[in-house]
Amino acid sequence: MGHWHLKHWKLGLASTASSVHYNCLTAVQTTIRALGLTDVVSASVVVKKLPLQRVQRSDSLTAPIILITPGRPVNPDTGSNVQDDIIHSVLVSFLDDDNQEKTLAANMSKYLLWLERVRKAFNRKRLSGVATVYTCVVRPFDPVSYPHWLQNWWASSLLLQFTSRETR
């Protein structure tokens, strides 16, 4: 049946309450809330099923908003004979009212600082609260999403790719 150690069995039992991917989402939310980003209230850092395309002005969230959504997991060809490395992707999307700000400079320092602080909180680090995650690679998107800007929003995203060593 395979080679089992007690520690593998305990890891398996501990992870049955929620998935590693979901634990990554909530750990990201906790970490970003703790950063105390300028003008971002804790209640506006939320885990959702879908990213920016589904945010409507009628949503109960108050801008600025940080959406944390799951991305496609990847199973690279790494691991061991009893464990797999799985990459759990988490998309962090930033959204604020911008009203097609004409100078193209107002709030830019604040927005870039949000992106920088979140990147630094995760890049090449373990994820606090998720024992199986041993590193993260942060992949930035454009600092300003032009399609969102045309709709009176400032938006940008970071893709966090957490590598987790998981028992089969």
N, C-alpha and C. Protein backbone atom coordinates (compact mmCIF):
# COMPACT_ATOMS: atom_id res chain seq x y z
N MET A 1 0.81 -1.20 0.00
CA MET A 1 0.00 0.00 0.00
C MET A 1 0.85 1.26 0.00
N GLY A 2 2.07 1.15 0.36
CA GLY A 2 2.90 2.35 0.39
C GLY A 2 3.56 2.48 1.74
N HIS A 3 4.51 3.34 1.82
CA HIS A 3 5.28 3.53 3.02
C HIS A 3 4.73 4.72 3.80
N TRP A 4 4.20 4.49 4.98
CA TRP A 4 3.58 5.55 5.78
C TRP A 4 4.32 5.74 7.09
N HIS A 5 4.51 6.97 7.43
CA HIS A 5 5.02 7.34 8.74
C HIS A 5 3.90 8.06 9.48
N LEU A 6 3.96 8.05 10.79
CA LEU A 6 2.94 8.71 11.60
C LEU A 6 2.80 10.18 11.23
N LYS A 7 3.93 10.88 10.96
CA LYS A 7 3.85 12.30 10.62
C LYS A 7 3.08 12.51 9.32
N HIS A 8 3.19 11.59 8.35
CA HIS A 8 2.43 11.72 7.11
C HIS A 8 0.94 11.56 7.39
N TRP A 9 0.59 10.60 8.24
CA TRP A 9 -0.80 10.36 8.59
C TRP A 9 -1.40 11.58 9.28
N LYS A 10 -0.65 12.18 10.20
CA LYS A 10 -1.13 13.37 10.90
C LYS A 10 -1.32 14.54 9.94
N LEU A 11 -0.39 14.73 9.01
CA LEU A 11 -0.55 15.79 8.02
C LEU A 11 -1.80 15.58 7.19
N GLY A 12 -2.06 14.34 6.81
CA GLY A 12 -3.25 14.03 6.04
C GLY A 12 -4.52 14.34 6.80
N LEU A 13 -4.56 13.99 8.09
CA LEU A 13 -5.75 14.26 8.89
C LEU A 13 -5.95 15.74 9.13
N ALA A 14 -4.86 16.45 9.34
CA ALA A 14 -4.96 17.88 9.62
C ALA A 14 -5.49 18.65 8.43
N SER A 15 -5.25 18.15 7.21
CA SER A 15 -5.64 18.91 6.03
C SER A 15 -7.04 18.56 5.52
N THR A 16 -7.75 17.64 6.18
CA THR A 16 -9.08 17.26 5.68
C THR A 16 -10.14 18.31 5.97
N ALA A 17 -9.94 19.19 6.92
CA ALA A 17 -10.94 20.21 7.25
C ALA A 17 -11.10 21.22 6.11
N SER A 18 -10.02 21.59 5.48
CA SER A 18 -10.08 22.46 4.31
C SER A 18 -8.86 22.17 3.44
N SER A 19 -8.96 22.54 2.18
CA SER A 19 -7.88 22.23 1.24
C SER A 19 -6.66 23.11 1.48
N VAL A 20 -5.52 22.65 1.01
CA VAL A 20 -4.30 23.46 1.09
C VAL A 20 -4.50 24.76 0.31
N HIS A 21 -5.16 24.67 -0.84
CA HIS A 21 -5.39 25.86 -1.67
C HIS A 21 -6.23 26.89 -0.91
N TYR A 22 -7.31 26.44 -0.26
CA TYR A 22 -8.14 27.36 0.52
C TYR A 22 -7.35 27.95 1.68
N ASN A 23 -6.53 27.13 2.32
CA ASN A 23 -5.69 27.62 3.42
C ASN A 23 -4.72 28.69 2.92
N CYS A 24 -4.22 28.53 1.69
CA CYS A 24 -3.36 29.56 1.10
C CYS A 24 -4.14 30.87 0.95
N LEU A 25 -5.37 30.79 0.44
CA LEU A 25 -6.19 31.99 0.25
C LEU A 25 -6.39 32.74 1.56
N THR A 26 -6.77 32.02 2.61
CA THR A 26 -7.04 32.70 3.88
C THR A 26 -5.77 33.20 4.55
N ALA A 27 -4.65 32.48 4.37
CA ALA A 27 -3.38 32.95 4.92
C ALA A 27 -2.92 34.23 4.21
N VAL A 28 -3.14 34.30 2.90
CA VAL A 28 -2.81 35.51 2.16
C VAL A 28 -3.67 36.67 2.67
N GLN A 29 -4.94 36.43 2.87
CA GLN A 29 -5.83 37.47 3.40
C GLN A 29 -5.34 37.98 4.75
N THR A 30 -5.00 37.08 5.65
CA THR A 30 -4.52 37.45 6.98
C THR A 30 -3.24 38.27 6.88
N THR A 31 -2.32 37.84 6.04
CA THR A 31 -1.04 38.54 5.89
C THR A 31 -1.24 39.94 5.32
N ILE A 32 -2.06 40.07 4.28
CA ILE A 32 -2.28 41.39 3.67
C ILE A 32 -2.98 42.32 4.65
N ARG A 33 -3.96 41.82 5.37
CA ARG A 33 -4.63 42.65 6.38
C ARG A 33 -3.64 43.17 7.41
N ALA A 34 -2.68 42.34 7.79
CA ALA A 34 -1.69 42.73 8.81
C ALA A 34 -0.69 43.76 8.28
N LEU A 35 -0.59 43.94 6.98
CA LEU A 35 0.36 44.91 6.42
C LEU A 35 -0.07 46.36 6.70
N GLY A 36 -1.35 46.60 6.97
CA GLY A 36 -1.82 47.95 7.23
C GLY A 36 -1.60 48.89 6.06
N LEU A 37 -1.96 48.46 4.87
CA LEU A 37 -1.77 49.28 3.67
C LEU A 37 -2.59 50.57 3.77
N THR A 38 -2.01 51.68 3.37
CA THR A 38 -2.64 53.00 3.44
C THR A 38 -4.01 52.99 2.77
N ASP A 39 -5.02 53.44 3.49
CA ASP A 39 -6.41 53.60 3.02
C ASP A 39 -7.16 52.29 2.80
N VAL A 40 -6.55 51.15 3.06
CA VAL A 40 -7.23 49.86 2.87
C VAL A 40 -7.75 49.38 4.22
N VAL A 41 -9.07 49.23 4.33
CA VAL A 41 -9.66 48.71 5.56
C VAL A 41 -9.70 47.20 5.50
N SER A 42 -9.58 46.57 6.64
CA SER A 42 -9.51 45.12 6.73
C SER A 42 -10.69 44.43 6.05
N ALA A 43 -11.89 44.99 6.19
CA ALA A 43 -13.08 44.38 5.61
C ALA A 43 -13.08 44.38 4.08
N SER A 44 -12.22 45.19 3.47
CA SER A 44 -12.14 45.25 2.01
C SER A 44 -11.05 44.36 1.44
N VAL A 45 -10.44 43.53 2.27
CA VAL A 45 -9.48 42.52 1.81
C VAL A 45 -10.23 41.20 1.91
N VAL A 46 -10.72 40.71 0.77
CA VAL A 46 -11.67 39.60 0.79
C VAL A 46 -11.26 38.45 -0.13
N VAL A 47 -11.66 37.26 0.28
CA VAL A 47 -11.48 36.06 -0.54
C VAL A 47 -12.77 35.87 -1.33
N LYS A 48 -12.63 35.74 -2.64
CA LYS A 48 -13.78 35.55 -3.53
C LYS A 48 -13.49 34.40 -4.49
N LYS A 49 -14.52 33.92 -5.17
CA LYS A 49 -14.35 32.85 -6.15
C LYS A 49 -13.76 33.36 -7.45
N LEU A 50 -14.15 34.59 -7.83
CA LEU A 50 -13.74 35.14 -9.12
C LEU A 50 -13.06 36.49 -8.95
N PRO A 51 -12.15 36.83 -9.87
CA PRO A 51 -11.40 38.09 -9.75
C PRO A 51 -12.17 39.32 -10.24
N LEU A 52 -11.44 40.35 -10.58
CA LEU A 52 -11.97 41.69 -10.87
C LEU A 52 -13.14 41.78 -11.83
N GLN A 53 -13.20 40.93 -12.82
CA GLN A 53 -14.23 41.05 -13.84
C GLN A 53 -15.64 41.01 -13.24
N ARG A 54 -15.80 40.42 -12.07
CA ARG A 54 -17.12 40.28 -11.47
C ARG A 54 -17.45 41.35 -10.44
N VAL A 55 -16.52 42.25 -10.14
CA VAL A 55 -16.79 43.30 -9.17
C VAL A 55 -17.68 44.36 -9.82
N GLN A 56 -18.73 44.69 -9.15
CA GLN A 56 -19.66 45.70 -9.65
C GLN A 56 -19.71 46.86 -8.65
N ARG A 57 -20.04 48.02 -9.13
CA ARG A 57 -20.17 49.16 -8.22
C ARG A 57 -21.27 48.93 -7.18
N SER A 58 -22.17 48.03 -7.46
CA SER A 58 -23.25 47.75 -6.51
C SER A 58 -22.84 46.79 -5.40
N ASP A 59 -21.64 46.18 -5.51
CA ASP A 59 -21.17 45.29 -4.45
C ASP A 59 -21.07 46.06 -3.14
N SER A 60 -21.18 45.35 -2.04
CA SER A 60 -21.15 46.00 -0.72
C SER A 60 -19.75 46.39 -0.27
N LEU A 61 -18.74 46.10 -1.08
CA LEU A 61 -17.37 46.44 -0.71
C LEU A 61 -17.09 47.91 -0.98
N THR A 62 -16.25 48.50 -0.15
CA THR A 62 -15.86 49.90 -0.29
C THR A 62 -14.43 49.97 -0.80
N ALA A 63 -14.22 50.73 -1.87
CA ALA A 63 -12.88 50.88 -2.45
C ALA A 63 -12.01 51.69 -1.49
N PRO A 64 -10.73 51.38 -1.45
CA PRO A 64 -10.01 50.37 -2.23
C PRO A 64 -10.33 48.95 -1.75
N ILE A 65 -10.28 48.04 -2.71
CA ILE A 65 -10.61 46.63 -2.48
C ILE A 65 -9.42 45.78 -2.90
N ILE A 66 -9.15 44.75 -2.12
CA ILE A 66 -8.15 43.76 -2.51
C ILE A 66 -8.87 42.42 -2.54
N LEU A 67 -8.96 41.85 -3.74
CA LEU A 67 -9.62 40.56 -3.94
C LEU A 67 -8.58 39.46 -4.01
N ILE A 68 -8.84 38.39 -3.29
CA ILE A 68 -7.94 37.23 -3.26
C ILE A 68 -8.74 36.06 -3.83
N THR A 69 -8.28 35.54 -4.97
CA THR A 69 -9.03 34.50 -5.66
C THR A 69 -8.12 33.33 -6.04
N PRO A 70 -8.69 32.12 -6.12
CA PRO A 70 -7.87 30.97 -6.49
C PRO A 70 -7.55 30.95 -7.98
N GLY A 71 -6.36 30.50 -8.28
CA GLY A 71 -5.95 30.27 -9.66
C GLY A 71 -5.78 28.78 -9.88
N ARG A 72 -5.41 28.41 -11.07
CA ARG A 72 -5.25 27.00 -11.42
C ARG A 72 -4.04 26.40 -10.71
N PRO A 73 -4.25 25.27 -10.00
CA PRO A 73 -3.09 24.58 -9.41
C PRO A 73 -2.28 23.88 -10.51
N VAL A 74 -1.01 23.72 -10.26
CA VAL A 74 -0.11 23.09 -11.22
C VAL A 74 0.60 21.95 -10.50
N ASN A 75 0.79 20.84 -11.19
CA ASN A 75 1.49 19.70 -10.63
C ASN A 75 2.79 19.50 -11.43
N PRO A 76 3.87 20.18 -11.01
CA PRO A 76 5.14 20.01 -11.75
C PRO A 76 5.71 18.62 -11.51
N ASP A 77 6.68 18.26 -12.28
CA ASP A 77 7.30 16.94 -12.16
C ASP A 77 8.37 16.93 -11.08
N THR A 78 7.99 17.36 -9.88
CA THR A 78 8.94 17.34 -8.76
C THR A 78 8.24 16.74 -7.55
N GLY A 79 9.02 16.36 -6.59
CA GLY A 79 8.51 15.74 -5.37
C GLY A 79 9.40 14.56 -5.01
N SER A 80 8.79 13.61 -4.33
CA SER A 80 9.52 12.41 -3.93
C SER A 80 8.64 11.20 -4.21
N ASN A 81 9.05 10.02 -3.72
CA ASN A 81 8.24 8.84 -3.99
C ASN A 81 6.98 8.77 -3.12
N VAL A 82 6.84 9.64 -2.13
CA VAL A 82 5.62 9.66 -1.30
C VAL A 82 4.96 11.04 -1.25
N GLN A 83 5.59 12.04 -1.85
CA GLN A 83 5.04 13.40 -1.81
C GLN A 83 5.14 14.05 -3.18
N ASP A 84 4.22 14.97 -3.44
CA ASP A 84 4.22 15.75 -4.68
C ASP A 84 4.40 17.21 -4.35
N ASP A 85 5.07 17.93 -5.23
CA ASP A 85 5.07 19.38 -5.15
C ASP A 85 3.89 19.87 -5.99
N ILE A 86 3.03 20.67 -5.36
CA ILE A 86 1.88 21.24 -6.04
C ILE A 86 2.01 22.75 -5.94
N ILE A 87 1.80 23.45 -7.04
CA ILE A 87 1.82 24.92 -7.02
C ILE A 87 0.39 25.41 -6.97
N HIS A 88 0.05 26.07 -5.87
CA HIS A 88 -1.28 26.65 -5.68
C HIS A 88 -1.20 28.13 -6.03
N SER A 89 -1.89 28.53 -7.08
CA SER A 89 -1.87 29.93 -7.52
C SER A 89 -2.95 30.72 -6.81
N VAL A 90 -2.58 31.91 -6.38
CA VAL A 90 -3.51 32.84 -5.73
C VAL A 90 -3.35 34.19 -6.42
N LEU A 91 -4.44 34.68 -6.98
CA LEU A 91 -4.43 35.99 -7.63
C LEU A 91 -4.86 37.05 -6.62
N VAL A 92 -4.01 38.05 -6.45
CA VAL A 92 -4.33 39.18 -5.58
C VAL A 92 -4.58 40.38 -6.48
N SER A 93 -5.83 40.85 -6.51
CA SER A 93 -6.24 41.95 -7.38
C SER A 93 -6.55 43.18 -6.56
N PHE A 94 -5.97 44.29 -6.96
CA PHE A 94 -6.14 45.57 -6.27
C PHE A 94 -7.07 46.43 -7.10
N LEU A 95 -7.99 47.12 -6.45
CA LEU A 95 -8.98 47.93 -7.16
C LEU A 95 -9.29 49.18 -6.35
N ASP A 96 -9.26 50.34 -7.00
CA ASP A 96 -9.62 51.59 -6.33
C ASP A 96 -10.33 52.51 -7.32
N ASP A 97 -11.17 53.40 -6.78
CA ASP A 97 -11.81 54.41 -7.62
C ASP A 97 -10.73 55.31 -8.21
N ASP A 98 -10.80 55.58 -9.49
CA ASP A 98 -9.79 56.43 -10.12
C ASP A 98 -10.41 57.53 -10.97
N ASN A 99 -11.61 57.31 -11.47
CA ASN A 99 -12.33 58.33 -12.25
C ASN A 99 -11.49 58.85 -13.42
N GLN A 100 -10.75 57.96 -14.05
CA GLN A 100 -9.85 58.31 -15.16
C GLN A 100 -9.03 59.56 -14.83
N GLU A 101 -8.40 59.50 -13.69
CA GLU A 101 -7.60 60.62 -13.19
C GLU A 101 -6.67 61.12 -14.30
N LYS A 102 -6.79 62.39 -14.64
CA LYS A 102 -6.18 62.95 -15.85
C LYS A 102 -4.66 63.14 -15.80
N THR A 103 -4.11 63.40 -14.62
CA THR A 103 -2.66 63.61 -14.57
C THR A 103 -1.89 62.30 -14.70
N LEU A 104 -2.60 61.19 -14.50
CA LEU A 104 -2.00 59.86 -14.52
C LEU A 104 -0.92 59.70 -13.46
N ALA A 105 -0.95 60.54 -12.43
CA ALA A 105 0.07 60.47 -11.39
C ALA A 105 -0.51 60.41 -9.98
N ALA A 106 -1.71 60.96 -9.79
CA ALA A 106 -2.30 60.99 -8.44
C ALA A 106 -2.43 59.57 -7.89
N ASN A 107 -2.02 59.39 -6.67
CA ASN A 107 -2.09 58.11 -5.95
C ASN A 107 -1.14 57.04 -6.48
N MET A 108 -0.38 57.32 -7.51
CA MET A 108 0.49 56.29 -8.08
C MET A 108 1.51 55.78 -7.07
N SER A 109 2.09 56.68 -6.28
CA SER A 109 3.06 56.24 -5.28
C SER A 109 2.40 55.27 -4.28
N LYS A 110 1.19 55.59 -3.84
CA LYS A 110 0.47 54.73 -2.90
C LYS A 110 0.20 53.36 -3.55
N TYR A 111 -0.28 53.36 -4.79
CA TYR A 111 -0.60 52.10 -5.45
C TYR A 111 0.65 51.23 -5.65
N LEU A 112 1.73 51.85 -6.09
CA LEU A 112 2.97 51.09 -6.28
C LEU A 112 3.52 50.56 -4.97
N LEU A 113 3.32 51.33 -3.89
CA LEU A 113 3.75 50.86 -2.57
C LEU A 113 2.91 49.67 -2.12
N TRP A 114 1.61 49.67 -2.40
CA TRP A 114 0.78 48.49 -2.08
C TRP A 114 1.35 47.26 -2.78
N LEU A 115 1.61 47.38 -4.08
CA LEU A 115 2.14 46.25 -4.85
C LEU A 115 3.49 45.78 -4.29
N GLU A 116 4.34 46.73 -3.98
CA GLU A 116 5.67 46.41 -3.46
C GLU A 116 5.59 45.71 -2.10
N ARG A 117 4.77 46.21 -1.20
CA ARG A 117 4.69 45.62 0.14
C ARG A 117 4.10 44.21 0.10
N VAL A 118 3.10 44.01 -0.73
CA VAL A 118 2.53 42.67 -0.84
C VAL A 118 3.55 41.72 -1.48
N ARG A 119 4.23 42.18 -2.53
CA ARG A 119 5.26 41.35 -3.15
C ARG A 119 6.32 40.94 -2.13
N LYS A 120 6.80 41.90 -1.36
CA LYS A 120 7.85 41.61 -0.37
C LYS A 120 7.36 40.70 0.75
N ALA A 121 6.07 40.73 1.04
CA ALA A 121 5.52 39.89 2.10
C ALA A 121 5.52 38.41 1.73
N PHE A 122 5.53 38.11 0.43
CA PHE A 122 5.39 36.72 0.00
C PHE A 122 6.55 36.16 -0.82
N ASN A 123 7.24 36.97 -1.60
CA ASN A 123 8.21 36.45 -2.55
C ASN A 123 9.34 35.69 -1.87
N ARG A 124 9.54 34.43 -2.34
CA ARG A 124 10.61 33.54 -1.86
C ARG A 124 10.52 33.26 -0.36
N LYS A 125 9.28 33.21 0.17
CA LYS A 125 9.08 32.96 1.60
C LYS A 125 8.11 31.80 1.80
N ARG A 126 8.17 31.22 3.00
CA ARG A 126 7.16 30.26 3.42
C ARG A 126 5.87 31.02 3.70
N LEU A 127 4.75 30.31 3.71
CA LEU A 127 3.47 30.93 3.98
C LEU A 127 3.05 30.60 5.40
N SER A 128 3.00 31.61 6.24
CA SER A 128 2.62 31.43 7.63
C SER A 128 1.22 30.83 7.72
N GLY A 129 1.09 29.77 8.52
CA GLY A 129 -0.19 29.13 8.71
C GLY A 129 -0.46 27.95 7.78
N VAL A 130 0.41 27.75 6.78
CA VAL A 130 0.25 26.61 5.87
C VAL A 130 1.58 25.85 5.87
N ALA A 131 1.64 24.83 6.70
CA ALA A 131 2.91 24.13 6.95
C ALA A 131 3.52 23.49 5.71
N THR A 132 2.71 23.07 4.76
CA THR A 132 3.24 22.37 3.59
C THR A 132 3.85 23.30 2.55
N VAL A 133 3.56 24.59 2.64
CA VAL A 133 4.10 25.55 1.66
C VAL A 133 5.51 25.93 2.06
N TYR A 134 6.46 25.71 1.14
CA TYR A 134 7.84 26.02 1.46
C TYR A 134 8.42 27.18 0.66
N THR A 135 7.72 27.69 -0.35
CA THR A 135 8.19 28.88 -1.04
C THR A 135 7.06 29.49 -1.86
N CYS A 136 7.29 30.71 -2.31
CA CYS A 136 6.33 31.42 -3.13
C CYS A 136 7.09 32.22 -4.19
N VAL A 137 6.55 32.23 -5.39
CA VAL A 137 7.06 33.09 -6.45
C VAL A 137 5.96 34.08 -6.78
N VAL A 138 6.30 35.37 -6.81
CA VAL A 138 5.33 36.42 -7.12
C VAL A 138 5.54 36.86 -8.56
N ARG A 139 4.46 36.85 -9.32
CA ARG A 139 4.50 37.28 -10.72
C ARG A 139 3.59 38.49 -10.87
N PRO A 140 4.19 39.68 -11.10
CA PRO A 140 3.38 40.90 -11.22
C PRO A 140 2.71 41.05 -12.57
N PHE A 141 1.58 41.72 -12.56
CA PHE A 141 0.90 42.14 -13.79
C PHE A 141 1.26 43.61 -14.03
N ASP A 142 0.72 44.22 -15.07
CA ASP A 142 0.96 45.64 -15.32
C ASP A 142 0.53 46.45 -14.11
N PRO A 143 1.28 47.52 -13.77
CA PRO A 143 0.92 48.32 -12.60
C PRO A 143 -0.39 49.08 -12.76
N VAL A 144 -0.86 49.26 -13.98
CA VAL A 144 -2.16 49.88 -14.23
C VAL A 144 -2.85 49.09 -15.32
N SER A 145 -4.05 48.61 -15.03
CA SER A 145 -4.84 47.90 -16.03
C SER A 145 -5.61 48.93 -16.84
N TYR A 146 -5.22 49.09 -18.09
CA TYR A 146 -5.85 50.10 -18.95
C TYR A 146 -7.36 49.86 -19.13
N PRO A 147 -7.81 48.62 -19.36
CA PRO A 147 -9.26 48.42 -19.50
C PRO A 147 -10.04 48.84 -18.24
N HIS A 148 -9.47 48.59 -17.06
CA HIS A 148 -10.15 49.01 -15.84
C HIS A 148 -10.09 50.53 -15.68
N TRP A 149 -8.98 51.13 -16.07
CA TRP A 149 -8.85 52.59 -16.00
C TRP A 149 -9.92 53.26 -16.86
N LEU A 150 -10.21 52.68 -18.02
CA LEU A 150 -11.25 53.22 -18.89
C LEU A 150 -12.64 53.14 -18.25
N GLN A 151 -12.78 52.26 -17.26
CA GLN A 151 -14.05 52.12 -16.54
C GLN A 151 -14.01 52.86 -15.20
N ASN A 152 -13.05 53.79 -15.06
CA ASN A 152 -12.91 54.64 -13.87
C ASN A 152 -12.36 53.92 -12.64
N TRP A 153 -11.61 52.85 -12.85
CA TRP A 153 -10.96 52.14 -11.76
C TRP A 153 -9.45 52.17 -11.97
N TRP A 154 -8.69 52.15 -10.87
CA TRP A 154 -7.28 51.77 -10.94
C TRP A 154 -7.27 50.30 -10.53
N ALA A 155 -6.59 49.48 -11.29
CA ALA A 155 -6.51 48.06 -10.96
C ALA A 155 -5.15 47.51 -11.35
N SER A 156 -4.70 46.56 -10.56
CA SER A 156 -3.49 45.82 -10.87
C SER A 156 -3.58 44.49 -10.12
N SER A 157 -2.69 43.57 -10.44
CA SER A 157 -2.72 42.26 -9.79
C SER A 157 -1.31 41.70 -9.61
N LEU A 158 -1.23 40.79 -8.66
CA LEU A 158 -0.04 39.97 -8.45
C LEU A 158 -0.50 38.52 -8.42
N LEU A 159 0.23 37.65 -9.10
CA LEU A 159 -0.05 36.23 -9.03
C LEU A 159 0.96 35.61 -8.07
N LEU A 160 0.44 35.02 -6.99
CA LEU A 160 1.29 34.36 -6.01
C LEU A 160 1.24 32.87 -6.29
N GLN A 161 2.40 32.26 -6.46
CA GLN A 161 2.46 30.83 -6.75
C GLN A 161 3.17 30.13 -5.60
N PHE A 162 2.37 29.47 -4.76
CA PHE A 162 2.87 28.80 -3.56
C PHE A 162 3.17 27.34 -3.89
N THR A 163 4.40 26.91 -3.60
CA THR A 163 4.77 25.52 -3.80
C THR A 163 4.60 24.78 -2.49
N SER A 164 3.79 23.74 -2.54
CA SER A 164 3.45 22.95 -1.37
C SER A 164 3.91 21.51 -1.58
N ARG A 165 4.58 20.94 -0.58
CA ARG A 165 4.98 19.54 -0.64
C ARG A 165 3.89 18.75 0.09
N GLU A 166 3.13 17.95 -0.70
CA GLU A 166 1.95 17.28 -0.15
C GLU A 166 2.08 15.76 -0.26
N THR A 167 1.65 15.10 0.81
CA THR A 167 1.64 13.65 0.85
C THR A 167 0.56 13.10 -0.06
N ARG A 168 0.89 12.07 -0.80
CA ARG A 168 -0.10 11.45 -1.69
C ARG A 168 -1.15 10.72 -0.89
